[in-house]
Amino acid sequence: MNHTVDTAGLAATLDIAITKTELYHEALTHRSYLNEHRDYRYPHNERLEFLGDAVLELVVTRHLFDTLPNPEGELTSFRAALVNGEMLSVIGKELGIEKYLLMSRGEAKDTGRARNYLIANAMEAIIGAIYLDQGYDDAGLFIERHILSRLPEVMEKGLYTDPKSHFQEMAQEKVGITPSYGVLREWGPDHDRHFVAGVFLEEELIAEGEGASKQDAQRAAAKKALEAKGW
């Protein structure tokens, strides 16, 4: 298996300058890869992901604050729609970062939600790497080009509406019932948990959703429930 990231290819793919290549090796290394490659010289990407998440939030927050007159609650919803895992995984796939990811053989076989989660985390880690390598302004330009450019789509399609809130409003309006949620299944180690949540109207299971946290699983279930009910 490849023991390095093609940083020249990555730089061309993402249209970024790369000076400190070790940061990008780290950004694209999943924890599971280290379990199978004890001699690998770089750490996994969770610390860079932590940093990149903060840079992403600040850049998006400042842009929304400077450009939109909306109240705080709406700005929060817009931001959440731009920086959530689902959006980041879509953008990461479109950018082609998947082919640069270093992960275990087991993770490499999983092409479902777990893979999307890895891609979203790698996106945050890459932002952290760009910030440390090129500075705040260049990280901001990357975020503007690839993430803030989705803002018109988010607003036009109403992607900022939280599916749990929407489903609750519709359920109360249509059938006079407040939905409830329950965890149906969970698995995986602490650093890579997976949850399946169900959304119920009284005793009836309407839909299930999977996520890396209980909240993500509940949102996914609510989204599917809206589709199932045609709401």
C-alpha atoms as a PDB file:
ATOM      1  CA  MET A   1       0.000   0.000   0.000  1.00  0.00           C
ATOM      2  CA  ASN A   2       1.162   3.541  -0.693  1.00  0.00           C
ATOM      3  CA  HIS A   3       3.135   4.907   2.235  1.00  0.00           C
ATOM      4  CA  THR A   4       3.023   8.559   1.195  1.00  0.00           C
ATOM      5  CA  VAL A   5       0.601  11.174  -0.061  1.00  0.00           C
ATOM      6  CA  ASP A   6       1.196  12.534  -3.565  1.00  0.00           C
ATOM      7  CA  THR A   7       1.492  16.135  -2.374  1.00  0.00           C
ATOM      8  CA  ALA A   8       2.304  17.463  -5.849  1.00  0.00           C
ATOM      9  CA  GLY A   9      -0.888  15.888  -7.178  1.00  0.00           C
ATOM     10  CA  LEU A  10      -2.811  17.171  -4.166  1.00  0.00           C
ATOM     11  CA  ALA A  11      -1.539  20.719  -4.710  1.00  0.00           C
ATOM     12  CA  ALA A  12      -2.665  20.599  -8.332  1.00  0.00           C
ATOM     13  CA  THR A  13      -6.017  19.010  -7.445  1.00  0.00           C
ATOM     14  CA  LEU A  14      -6.802  21.607  -4.764  1.00  0.00           C
ATOM     15  CA  ASP A  15      -5.064  24.523  -6.534  1.00  0.00           C
ATOM     16  CA  ILE A  16      -3.022  25.362  -3.440  1.00  0.00           C
ATOM     17  CA  ALA A  17       0.618  26.034  -2.692  1.00  0.00           C
ATOM     18  CA  ILE A  18       2.311  23.432  -0.492  1.00  0.00           C
ATOM     19  CA  THR A  19       5.517  24.198   1.379  1.00  0.00           C
ATOM     20  CA  LYS A  20       5.404  21.927   4.432  1.00  0.00           C
ATOM     21  CA  THR A  21       4.527  18.571   2.869  1.00  0.00           C
ATOM     22  CA  GLU A  22       4.468  16.789   6.232  1.00  0.00           C
ATOM     23  CA  LEU A  23       1.308  18.686   7.187  1.00  0.00           C
ATOM     24  CA  TYR A  24      -0.591  17.210   4.245  1.00  0.00           C
ATOM     25  CA  HIS A  25       0.656  13.683   4.927  1.00  0.00           C
ATOM     26  CA  GLU A  26      -0.756  14.129   8.422  1.00  0.00           C
ATOM     27  CA  ALA A  27      -4.008  15.685   7.165  1.00  0.00           C
ATOM     28  CA  LEU A  28      -4.761  12.693   4.950  1.00  0.00           C
ATOM     29  CA  THR A  29      -3.811   9.931   7.383  1.00  0.00           C
ATOM     30  CA  HIS A  30      -6.695   8.234   9.155  1.00  0.00           C
ATOM     31  CA  ARG A  31      -6.050   6.763  12.577  1.00  0.00           C
ATOM     32  CA  SER A  32      -6.744   3.246  11.268  1.00  0.00           C
ATOM     33  CA  TYR A  33      -3.780   3.441   8.851  1.00  0.00           C
ATOM     34  CA  LEU A  34      -1.331   3.647  11.763  1.00  0.00           C
ATOM     35  CA  ASN A  35      -2.653   0.379  13.189  1.00  0.00           C
ATOM     36  CA  GLU A  36      -1.523  -1.471  10.052  1.00  0.00           C
ATOM     37  CA  HIS A  37       1.659   0.546   9.416  1.00  0.00           C
ATOM     38  CA  ARG A  38       3.608   0.851  12.657  1.00  0.00           C
ATOM     39  CA  ASP A  39       6.612   2.300  10.820  1.00  0.00           C
ATOM     40  CA  TYR A  40       4.616   5.175   9.275  1.00  0.00           C
ATOM     41  CA  ARG A  41       6.357   8.400  10.229  1.00  0.00           C
ATOM     42  CA  TYR A  42       3.444  10.843  10.394  1.00  0.00           C
ATOM     43  CA  PRO A  43       0.659  11.160  13.006  1.00  0.00           C
ATOM     44  CA  HIS A  44      -3.046  10.722  12.195  1.00  0.00           C
ATOM     45  CA  ASN A  45      -5.148  13.725  11.261  1.00  0.00           C
ATOM     46  CA  GLU A  46      -7.359  14.284  14.319  1.00  0.00           C
ATOM     47  CA  ARG A  47      -5.380  17.216  15.735  1.00  0.00           C
ATOM     48  CA  LEU A  48      -5.329  19.000  12.361  1.00  0.00           C
ATOM     49  CA  GLU A  49      -9.039  18.263  12.009  1.00  0.00           C
ATOM     50  CA  PHE A  50      -9.601  19.990  15.380  1.00  0.00           C
ATOM     51  CA  LEU A  51      -7.672  23.059  14.190  1.00  0.00           C
ATOM     52  CA  GLY A  52      -9.234  23.150  10.726  1.00  0.00           C
ATOM     53  CA  ASP A  53     -12.730  22.965  12.179  1.00  0.00           C
ATOM     54  CA  ALA A  54     -12.060  26.158  14.160  1.00  0.00           C
ATOM     55  CA  VAL A  55     -10.549  27.982  11.154  1.00  0.00           C
ATOM     56  CA  LEU A  56     -13.486  26.933   8.973  1.00  0.00           C
ATOM     57  CA  GLU A  57     -16.043  28.126  11.531  1.00  0.00           C
ATOM     58  CA  LEU A  58     -14.328  31.492  11.950  1.00  0.00           C
ATOM     59  CA  VAL A  59     -13.963  32.176   8.211  1.00  0.00           C
ATOM     60  CA  VAL A  60     -17.577  31.206   7.503  1.00  0.00           C
ATOM     61  CA  THR A  61     -18.864  33.139  10.526  1.00  0.00           C
ATOM     62  CA  ARG A  62     -16.990  36.302   9.543  1.00  0.00           C
ATOM     63  CA  HIS A  63     -18.221  36.073   5.941  1.00  0.00           C
ATOM     64  CA  LEU A  64     -21.838  35.644   7.021  1.00  0.00           C
ATOM     65  CA  PHE A  65     -21.527  38.466   9.551  1.00  0.00           C
ATOM     66  CA  ASP A  66     -20.031  40.834   6.955  1.00  0.00           C
ATOM     67  CA  THR A  67     -22.385  40.030   4.066  1.00  0.00           C
ATOM     68  CA  LEU A  68     -25.804  39.209   5.513  1.00  0.00           C
ATOM     69  CA  PRO A  69     -28.084  41.348   7.710  1.00  0.00           C
ATOM     70  CA  ASN A  70     -29.953  38.319   9.116  1.00  0.00           C
ATOM     71  CA  PRO A  71     -30.414  37.762  12.854  1.00  0.00           C
ATOM     72  CA  GLU A  72     -28.064  35.518  14.830  1.00  0.00           C
ATOM     73  CA  GLY A  73     -30.328  32.455  14.738  1.00  0.00           C
ATOM     74  CA  GLU A  74     -30.522  32.448  10.936  1.00  0.00           C
ATOM     75  CA  LEU A  75     -26.790  33.038  10.548  1.00  0.00           C
ATOM     76  CA  THR A  76     -26.181  30.048  12.821  1.00  0.00           C
ATOM     77  CA  SER A  77     -28.393  27.890  10.595  1.00  0.00           C
ATOM     78  CA  PHE A  78     -26.612  29.062   7.436  1.00  0.00           C
ATOM     79  CA  ARG A  79     -23.239  28.293   8.998  1.00  0.00           C
ATOM     80  CA  ALA A  80     -24.326  24.842  10.156  1.00  0.00           C
ATOM     81  CA  ALA A  81     -25.484  23.996   6.625  1.00  0.00           C
ATOM     82  CA  LEU A  82     -22.101  24.997   5.179  1.00  0.00           C
ATOM     83  CA  VAL A  83     -19.798  23.269   7.685  1.00  0.00           C
ATOM     84  CA  ASN A  84     -21.666  20.039   8.478  1.00  0.00           C
ATOM     85  CA  GLY A  85     -20.181  16.650   7.646  1.00  0.00           C
ATOM     86  CA  GLU A  86     -22.594  15.952   4.826  1.00  0.00           C
ATOM     87  CA  MET A  87     -21.679  19.140   2.975  1.00  0.00           C
ATOM     88  CA  LEU A  88     -17.942  18.702   3.577  1.00  0.00           C
ATOM     89  CA  SER A  89     -17.989  15.107   2.334  1.00  0.00           C
ATOM     90  CA  VAL A  90     -19.796  16.161  -0.874  1.00  0.00           C
ATOM     91  CA  ILE A  91     -17.241  18.921  -1.472  1.00  0.00           C
ATOM     92  CA  GLY A  92     -14.341  16.609  -0.611  1.00  0.00           C
ATOM     93  CA  LYS A  93     -15.561  14.005  -3.097  1.00  0.00           C
ATOM     94  CA  GLU A  94     -15.968  16.611  -5.826  1.00  0.00           C
ATOM     95  CA  LEU A  95     -12.426  17.844  -5.155  1.00  0.00           C
ATOM     96  CA  GLY A  96     -11.127  14.280  -5.412  1.00  0.00           C
ATOM     97  CA  ILE A  97      -9.398  14.089  -2.033  1.00  0.00           C
ATOM     98  CA  GLU A  98     -10.649  10.514  -1.549  1.00  0.00           C
ATOM     99  CA  LYS A  99      -7.851   9.078  -3.678  1.00  0.00           C
ATOM    100  CA  TYR A 100      -5.240  10.681  -1.408  1.00  0.00           C
ATOM    101  CA  LEU A 101      -6.602   9.268   1.856  1.00  0.00           C
ATOM    102  CA  LEU A 102      -4.442   6.791   3.755  1.00  0.00           C
ATOM    103  CA  MET A 103      -6.597   4.335   5.720  1.00  0.00           C
ATOM    104  CA  SER A 104      -6.710   0.716   6.814  1.00  0.00           C
ATOM    105  CA  ARG A 105      -7.778  -2.054   4.451  1.00  0.00           C
ATOM    106  CA  GLY A 106     -11.032  -2.343   6.396  1.00  0.00           C
ATOM    107  CA  GLU A 107     -11.806   1.358   6.076  1.00  0.00           C
ATOM    108  CA  ALA A 108     -10.870   1.254   2.379  1.00  0.00           C
ATOM    109  CA  LYS A 109     -13.595  -1.333   1.764  1.00  0.00           C
ATOM    110  CA  ASP A 110     -16.304   0.779   3.410  1.00  0.00           C
ATOM    111  CA  THR A 111     -17.786   3.149   0.850  1.00  0.00           C
ATOM    112  CA  GLY A 112     -20.892   4.210   2.793  1.00  0.00           C
ATOM    113  CA  ARG A 113     -21.480   6.748   5.541  1.00  0.00           C
ATOM    114  CA  ALA A 114     -18.226   5.856   7.295  1.00  0.00           C
ATOM    115  CA  ARG A 115     -16.271   6.871   4.178  1.00  0.00           C
ATOM    116  CA  ASN A 116     -18.189  10.142   3.964  1.00  0.00           C
ATOM    117  CA  TYR A 117     -17.260  10.829   7.584  1.00  0.00           C
ATOM    118  CA  LEU A 118     -13.569  10.208   6.808  1.00  0.00           C
ATOM    119  CA  ILE A 119     -13.704  12.576   3.827  1.00  0.00           C
ATOM    120  CA  ALA A 120     -15.408  15.324   5.852  1.00  0.00           C
ATOM    121  CA  ASN A 121     -12.782  15.003   8.591  1.00  0.00           C
ATOM    122  CA  ALA A 122      -9.985  15.082   6.017  1.00  0.00           C
ATOM    123  CA  MET A 123     -11.437  18.292   4.573  1.00  0.00           C
ATOM    124  CA  GLU A 124     -11.190  19.934   7.993  1.00  0.00           C
ATOM    125  CA  ALA A 125      -7.659  18.573   8.458  1.00  0.00           C
ATOM    126  CA  ILE A 126      -6.610  19.947   5.047  1.00  0.00           C
ATOM    127  CA  ILE A 127      -7.921  23.378   6.054  1.00  0.00           C
ATOM    128  CA  GLY A 128      -5.849  23.095   9.234  1.00  0.00           C
ATOM    129  CA  ALA A 129      -2.801  22.161   7.148  1.00  0.00           C
ATOM    130  CA  ILE A 130      -3.280  25.099   4.752  1.00  0.00           C
ATOM    131  CA  TYR A 131      -3.645  27.446   7.736  1.00  0.00           C
ATOM    132  CA  LEU A 132      -0.366  26.256   9.290  1.00  0.00           C
ATOM    133  CA  ASP A 133       1.439  26.101   5.944  1.00  0.00           C
ATOM    134  CA  GLN A 134       0.195  29.226   4.148  1.00  0.00           C
ATOM    135  CA  GLY A 135      -1.560  31.300   6.800  1.00  0.00           C
ATOM    136  CA  TYR A 136      -5.081  32.459   7.604  1.00  0.00           C
ATOM    137  CA  ASP A 137      -5.665  34.412   4.386  1.00  0.00           C
ATOM    138  CA  ASP A 138      -4.862  31.480   2.096  1.00  0.00           C
ATOM    139  CA  ALA A 139      -6.958  29.133   4.222  1.00  0.00           C
ATOM    140  CA  GLY A 140      -9.750  31.691   3.917  1.00  0.00           C
ATOM    141  CA  LEU A 141      -9.418  31.793   0.126  1.00  0.00           C
ATOM    142  CA  PHE A 142      -9.651  27.993  -0.038  1.00  0.00           C
ATOM    143  CA  ILE A 143     -12.795  28.077   2.128  1.00  0.00           C
ATOM    144  CA  GLU A 144     -14.331  30.880   0.047  1.00  0.00           C
ATOM    145  CA  ARG A 145     -13.647  29.046  -3.214  1.00  0.00           C
ATOM    146  CA  HIS A 146     -14.941  25.639  -2.203  1.00  0.00           C
ATOM    147  CA  ILE A 147     -17.316  26.067   0.741  1.00  0.00           C
ATOM    148  CA  LEU A 148     -18.674  29.616   0.890  1.00  0.00           C
ATOM    149  CA  SER A 149     -19.404  29.316  -2.835  1.00  0.00           C
ATOM    150  CA  ARG A 150     -22.208  26.926  -1.766  1.00  0.00           C
ATOM    151  CA  LEU A 151     -24.062  29.629   0.157  1.00  0.00           C
ATOM    152  CA  PRO A 152     -26.435  30.589  -2.717  1.00  0.00           C
ATOM    153  CA  GLU A 153     -27.376  26.905  -3.111  1.00  0.00           C
ATOM    154  CA  VAL A 154     -27.905  26.554   0.652  1.00  0.00           C
ATOM    155  CA  MET A 155     -30.259  29.546   0.689  1.00  0.00           C
ATOM    156  CA  GLU A 156     -32.115  28.712  -2.545  1.00  0.00           C
ATOM    157  CA  LYS A 157     -32.758  25.078  -1.575  1.00  0.00           C
ATOM    158  CA  GLY A 158     -33.468  25.746   2.106  1.00  0.00           C
ATOM    159  CA  LEU A 159     -30.610  23.442   3.151  1.00  0.00           C
ATOM    160  CA  TYR A 160     -30.216  25.523   6.321  1.00  0.00           C
ATOM    161  CA  THR A 161     -33.492  24.238   7.735  1.00  0.00           C
ATOM    162  CA  ASP A 162     -32.752  21.712  10.459  1.00  0.00           C
ATOM    163  CA  PRO A 163     -34.575  18.492   9.472  1.00  0.00           C
ATOM    164  CA  LYS A 164     -35.483  17.686  13.104  1.00  0.00           C
ATOM    165  CA  SER A 165     -37.162  21.056  13.583  1.00  0.00           C
ATOM    166  CA  HIS A 166     -38.880  20.793  10.206  1.00  0.00           C
ATOM    167  CA  PHE A 167     -40.164  17.268  10.870  1.00  0.00           C
ATOM    168  CA  GLN A 168     -41.455  18.278  14.302  1.00  0.00           C
ATOM    169  CA  GLU A 169     -43.316  21.273  12.863  1.00  0.00           C
ATOM    170  CA  MET A 170     -44.853  19.172  10.093  1.00  0.00           C
ATOM    171  CA  ALA A 171     -45.788  16.272  12.385  1.00  0.00           C
ATOM    172  CA  GLN A 172     -47.518  18.599  14.817  1.00  0.00           C
ATOM    173  CA  GLU A 173     -49.306  20.372  11.987  1.00  0.00           C
ATOM    174  CA  LYS A 174     -50.324  17.248  10.020  1.00  0.00           C
ATOM    175  CA  VAL A 175     -51.034  14.641  12.693  1.00  0.00           C
ATOM    176  CA  GLY A 176     -50.834  16.484  16.006  1.00  0.00           C
ATOM    177  CA  ILE A 177     -47.953  14.324  17.305  1.00  0.00           C
ATOM    178  CA  THR A 178     -44.522  15.374  18.566  1.00  0.00           C
ATOM    179  CA  PRO A 179     -41.851  12.985  17.181  1.00  0.00           C
ATOM    180  CA  SER A 180     -39.555  11.045  19.486  1.00  0.00           C
ATOM    181  CA  TYR A 181     -36.142   9.511  18.813  1.00  0.00           C
ATOM    182  CA  GLY A 182     -34.335   6.401  19.993  1.00  0.00           C
ATOM    183  CA  VAL A 183     -30.944   4.822  19.346  1.00  0.00           C
ATOM    184  CA  LEU A 184     -31.588   1.497  17.602  1.00  0.00           C
ATOM    185  CA  ARG A 185     -27.979   0.346  17.172  1.00  0.00           C
ATOM    186  CA  GLU A 186     -24.461   1.553  17.884  1.00  0.00           C
ATOM    187  CA  TRP A 187     -21.012   0.104  17.229  1.00  0.00           C
ATOM    188  CA  GLY A 188     -17.339   0.894  16.791  1.00  0.00           C
ATOM    189  CA  PRO A 189     -14.498   2.093  19.048  1.00  0.00           C
ATOM    190  CA  ASP A 190     -14.723   5.379  20.949  1.00  0.00           C
ATOM    191  CA  HIS A 191     -12.875   7.361  18.277  1.00  0.00           C
ATOM    192  CA  ASP A 192     -15.065   6.000  15.465  1.00  0.00           C
ATOM    193  CA  ARG A 193     -18.560   5.348  16.856  1.00  0.00           C
ATOM    194  CA  HIS A 194     -21.572   4.829  14.601  1.00  0.00           C
ATOM    195  CA  PHE A 195     -25.193   5.222  15.595  1.00  0.00           C
ATOM    196  CA  VAL A 196     -28.497   4.304  14.001  1.00  0.00           C
ATOM    197  CA  ALA A 197     -31.415   6.331  15.337  1.00  0.00           C
ATOM    198  CA  GLY A 198     -35.113   5.853  14.711  1.00  0.00           C
ATOM    199  CA  VAL A 199     -37.741   8.586  14.619  1.00  0.00           C
ATOM    200  CA  PHE A 200     -41.187   7.632  15.879  1.00  0.00           C
ATOM    201  CA  LEU A 201     -44.678   9.082  15.787  1.00  0.00           C
ATOM    202  CA  GLU A 202     -46.052   7.547  18.952  1.00  0.00           C
ATOM    203  CA  GLU A 203     -45.244   3.814  18.510  1.00  0.00           C
ATOM    204  CA  GLU A 204     -44.737   3.903  14.731  1.00  0.00           C
ATOM    205  CA  LEU A 205     -41.161   3.857  13.415  1.00  0.00           C
ATOM    206  CA  ILE A 206     -41.149   6.310  10.491  1.00  0.00           C
ATOM    207  CA  ALA A 207     -37.497   6.177   9.418  1.00  0.00           C
ATOM    208  CA  GLU A 208     -33.947   5.321  10.463  1.00  0.00           C
ATOM    209  CA  GLY A 209     -30.770   7.333  10.044  1.00  0.00           C
ATOM    210  CA  GLU A 210     -27.082   6.681  10.616  1.00  0.00           C
ATOM    211  CA  GLY A 211     -24.421   9.078  11.872  1.00  0.00           C
ATOM    212  CA  ALA A 212     -21.163   9.484  13.750  1.00  0.00           C
ATOM    213  CA  SER A 213     -23.048  10.920  16.731  1.00  0.00           C
ATOM    214  CA  LYS A 214     -26.543  10.442  18.138  1.00  0.00           C
ATOM    215  CA  GLN A 215     -27.440  13.944  16.942  1.00  0.00           C
ATOM    216  CA  ASP A 216     -26.217  13.257  13.394  1.00  0.00           C
ATOM    217  CA  ALA A 217     -28.153   9.976  13.331  1.00  0.00           C
ATOM    218  CA  GLN A 218     -31.308  11.743  14.518  1.00  0.00           C
ATOM    219  CA  ARG A 219     -30.950  14.430  11.828  1.00  0.00           C
ATOM    220  CA  ALA A 220     -30.465  11.755   9.173  1.00  0.00           C
ATOM    221  CA  ALA A 221     -33.573   9.937  10.447  1.00  0.00           C
ATOM    222  CA  ALA A 222     -35.621  13.147  10.388  1.00  0.00           C
ATOM    223  CA  LYS A 223     -34.481  13.871   6.825  1.00  0.00           C
ATOM    224  CA  LYS A 224     -35.575  10.394   5.695  1.00  0.00           C
ATOM    225  CA  ALA A 225     -38.843  10.731   7.602  1.00  0.00           C
ATOM    226  CA  LEU A 226     -39.637  13.957   5.728  1.00  0.00           C
ATOM    227  CA  GLU A 227     -39.040  12.106   2.471  1.00  0.00           C
ATOM    228  CA  ALA A 228     -41.073   9.089   3.592  1.00  0.00           C
ATOM    229  CA  LYS A 229     -44.043  11.275   4.508  1.00  0.00           C
ATOM    230  CA  GLY A 230     -43.671  13.531   1.492  1.00  0.00           C
ATOM    231  CA  TRP A 231     -43.431  16.565   3.765  1.00  0.00           C
END
